[in-house]
Amino acid sequence: MEKWDIYDKDRNRTGKQMNRGNAFEKDAYHLVIHVCLFNESGEMLIQQRQPDKEDWKNMWDITVGGSAIAGETSQQAAEREVHEEIGYALDLRNRRPSLTVNFEYGFDDYYLIETDLDISDLPLPTEEVKQVKWADKDEVLQMISEGKFIPYHESLIELLFEMRKTMGAHNRNVT
């Protein structure tokens, strides 16, 4: 059974844990990570989930996502999930998430990584991922509108593509 650390609203570990699938207690939160890999052409690596997944069966998704397990930092969870889902090794020890989105039961950390990954080298399919491909922003947004992609807010997808080469909320190209 997968265990999660419980955090308070200020993102401090409480010292408590919960089993995945159990109901959340009041004011209990957990950590989720997402990794978006981008190539030099500005395309994001997207994955199609396996048909036997509990949620979002056969749907397309951003590169990788998953919950941190008890004892993991955000970076460790991201590294593990990328390796488990697509068989790619990342070193995020010196990286912070590009952005964090709060949700009802936790914190979603998003890592935006540029890479020259050759997807033909990935050991796919895996237990979680049926296939991957590179897609530009317009293709991802089209897939969302067609119901083929997990229904993220379109503005979030646009933001992920927009922020892929920067950290922070300011446009560094304007003087």
Protein backbone atom coordinates (compact mmCIF):
# COMPACT_ATOMS: atom_id res chain seq x y z
CA MET A 1 0.00 0.00 0.00
CA GLU A 2 1.41 3.38 -1.04
CA LYS A 3 1.79 5.83 1.86
CA TRP A 4 1.78 9.61 1.54
CA ASP A 5 3.15 12.24 3.90
CA ILE A 6 0.51 14.65 5.18
CA TYR A 7 1.23 18.38 4.93
CA ASP A 8 -0.49 21.37 6.50
CA LYS A 9 -1.82 24.30 4.46
CA ASP A 10 1.61 25.98 4.64
CA ARG A 11 3.26 22.91 3.09
CA ASN A 12 4.92 21.74 6.29
CA ARG A 13 5.05 17.99 6.90
CA THR A 14 2.88 17.16 9.89
CA GLY A 15 4.61 13.90 10.77
CA LYS A 16 1.44 12.01 9.85
CA GLN A 17 0.92 9.71 6.90
CA MET A 18 -2.05 8.29 5.04
CA ASN A 19 -2.64 5.38 2.69
CA ARG A 20 -3.38 6.19 -0.92
CA GLY A 21 -7.11 5.95 -1.52
CA ASN A 22 -8.15 6.82 2.03
CA ALA A 23 -10.30 9.88 2.65
CA PHE A 24 -8.44 13.06 3.56
CA GLU A 25 -8.87 14.45 7.05
CA LYS A 26 -9.72 18.13 7.43
CA ASP A 27 -6.73 20.40 6.69
CA ALA A 28 -4.63 17.47 5.41
CA TYR A 29 -2.80 17.81 2.10
CA HIS A 30 -0.41 15.77 -0.02
CA LEU A 31 2.22 16.44 -2.67
CA VAL A 32 1.77 15.67 -6.36
CA ILE A 33 4.35 16.27 -9.08
CA HIS A 34 4.16 16.79 -12.82
CA VAL A 35 7.11 16.83 -15.19
CA CYS A 36 6.80 18.36 -18.64
CA LEU A 37 9.65 17.50 -20.98
CA PHE A 38 10.10 19.84 -23.96
CA ASN A 39 12.31 19.45 -27.02
CA GLU A 40 14.26 22.17 -28.84
CA SER A 41 11.29 22.73 -31.19
CA GLY A 42 9.10 23.69 -28.23
CA GLU A 43 7.04 20.51 -28.29
CA MET A 44 6.02 18.72 -25.11
CA LEU A 45 6.41 14.99 -24.68
CA ILE A 46 2.91 13.68 -23.98
CA GLN A 47 1.89 10.20 -22.87
CA GLN A 48 -1.10 8.01 -23.49
CA ARG A 49 -2.21 6.23 -20.34
CA GLN A 50 -2.74 2.49 -20.31
CA PRO A 51 -6.37 1.29 -20.72
CA ASP A 52 -6.37 -0.45 -17.32
CA LYS A 53 -5.47 2.69 -15.30
CA GLU A 54 -7.92 3.58 -12.53
CA ASP A 55 -8.47 7.11 -13.81
CA TRP A 56 -8.34 8.68 -17.27
CA LYS A 57 -8.07 5.35 -19.13
CA ASN A 58 -6.43 5.62 -22.59
CA MET A 59 -6.35 9.42 -22.31
CA TRP A 60 -3.37 11.53 -23.24
CA ASP A 61 -1.58 13.49 -20.52
CA ILE A 62 1.42 15.72 -19.99
CA THR A 63 4.74 13.88 -19.80
CA VAL A 64 4.52 12.49 -16.25
CA GLY A 65 2.54 12.97 -13.07
CA GLY A 66 2.09 11.25 -9.74
CA SER A 67 2.03 11.49 -5.98
CA ALA A 68 5.09 11.75 -3.77
CA ILE A 69 5.36 8.75 -1.49
CA ALA A 70 6.19 9.07 2.21
CA GLY A 71 9.70 10.40 2.81
CA GLU A 72 10.22 11.78 -0.70
CA THR A 73 10.96 15.36 -1.61
CA SER A 74 9.26 16.88 -4.61
CA GLN A 75 12.43 16.39 -6.67
CA GLN A 76 12.80 12.73 -5.64
CA ALA A 77 9.17 12.04 -6.49
CA ALA A 78 9.58 13.67 -9.90
CA GLU A 79 12.73 11.68 -10.67
CA ARG A 80 11.05 8.42 -9.60
CA GLU A 81 7.85 9.04 -11.54
CA VAL A 82 9.72 9.91 -14.76
CA HIS A 83 11.75 6.72 -14.45
CA GLU A 84 8.73 4.54 -13.58
CA GLU A 85 6.41 5.92 -16.24
CA ILE A 86 8.70 6.39 -19.25
CA GLY A 87 12.05 4.85 -18.25
CA TYR A 88 14.00 8.11 -18.44
CA ALA A 89 16.53 9.20 -15.80
CA LEU A 90 16.50 12.82 -14.62
CA ASP A 91 18.60 14.54 -11.97
CA LEU A 92 16.51 17.24 -10.30
CA ARG A 93 18.53 17.62 -7.09
CA ASN A 94 19.35 21.25 -7.90
CA ARG A 95 15.99 22.16 -9.46
CA ARG A 96 12.92 23.73 -7.96
CA PRO A 97 9.50 23.36 -9.53
CA SER A 98 8.75 25.98 -12.17
CA LEU A 99 5.35 26.51 -10.58
CA THR A 100 3.05 25.07 -7.94
CA VAL A 101 -0.71 24.91 -8.27
CA ASN A 102 -2.76 24.38 -5.13
CA PHE A 103 -5.74 22.04 -5.31
CA GLU A 104 -8.35 20.87 -2.84
CA TYR A 105 -6.19 18.14 -1.30
CA GLY A 106 -2.67 19.29 -1.93
CA PHE A 107 0.06 20.88 -3.96
CA ASP A 108 0.88 20.18 -7.64
CA ASP A 109 4.54 20.90 -8.41
CA TYR A 110 5.31 21.36 -12.12
CA TYR A 111 8.83 20.85 -13.45
CA LEU A 112 9.43 22.20 -16.96
CA ILE A 113 12.53 20.60 -18.48
CA GLU A 114 14.16 21.07 -21.88
CA THR A 115 15.80 17.89 -23.18
CA ASP A 116 17.10 16.37 -26.38
CA LEU A 117 15.47 13.04 -25.53
CA ASP A 118 15.13 10.54 -28.38
CA ILE A 119 11.79 8.88 -27.64
CA SER A 120 12.73 5.80 -29.66
CA ASP A 121 15.20 5.01 -26.84
CA LEU A 122 12.44 4.80 -24.19
CA PRO A 123 11.44 1.31 -22.98
CA LEU A 124 7.76 1.65 -23.87
CA PRO A 125 5.12 0.59 -23.24
CA THR A 126 5.40 0.51 -19.45
CA GLU A 127 2.89 -0.52 -16.80
CA GLU A 128 1.44 2.99 -16.79
CA VAL A 129 2.16 4.40 -20.26
CA LYS A 130 0.94 2.98 -23.56
CA GLN A 131 2.87 5.35 -25.84
CA VAL A 132 4.44 8.81 -26.04
CA LYS A 133 4.83 11.44 -28.73
CA TRP A 134 5.95 15.03 -29.14
CA ALA A 135 3.11 17.56 -29.51
CA ASP A 136 2.96 21.32 -29.86
CA LYS A 137 0.64 23.53 -27.83
CA ASP A 138 -2.04 23.69 -30.53
CA GLU A 139 -2.18 19.89 -30.81
CA VAL A 140 -2.52 19.48 -27.04
CA LEU A 141 -5.29 22.09 -26.91
CA GLN A 142 -7.06 20.40 -29.85
CA MET A 143 -6.83 17.02 -28.08
CA ILE A 144 -8.35 18.57 -24.95
CA SER A 145 -11.26 20.00 -26.96
CA GLU A 146 -11.81 16.59 -28.60
CA GLY A 147 -11.88 14.81 -25.22
CA LYS A 148 -8.71 12.80 -25.96
CA PHE A 149 -6.52 14.58 -23.39
CA ILE A 150 -7.06 14.94 -19.66
CA PRO A 151 -9.17 18.11 -19.33
CA TYR A 152 -6.62 20.54 -17.92
CA HIS A 153 -7.52 24.21 -18.02
CA GLU A 154 -6.40 25.41 -21.43
CA SER A 155 -4.76 28.42 -19.78
CA LEU A 156 -2.57 26.06 -17.72
CA ILE A 157 -1.37 24.27 -20.87
CA GLU A 158 -0.62 27.65 -22.46
CA LEU A 159 1.28 28.70 -19.33
CA LEU A 160 3.36 25.51 -19.30
CA PHE A 161 4.42 26.10 -22.89
CA GLU A 162 5.02 29.82 -22.23
CA MET A 163 7.16 29.20 -19.11
CA ARG A 164 9.25 26.33 -20.45
CA LYS A 165 12.41 28.44 -20.75
CA THR A 166 11.96 30.70 -17.73
CA MET A 167 11.52 30.76 -13.98
CA GLY A 168 9.17 33.26 -12.40
CA ALA A 169 6.13 35.23 -13.42
CA HIS A 170 7.86 38.07 -15.27
CA ASN A 171 8.66 38.20 -18.95
CA ARG A 172 12.43 38.62 -19.00
CA ASN A 173 12.46 39.62 -22.69
CA VAL A 174 10.81 43.01 -22.04
CA THR A 175 13.01 45.98 -21.12
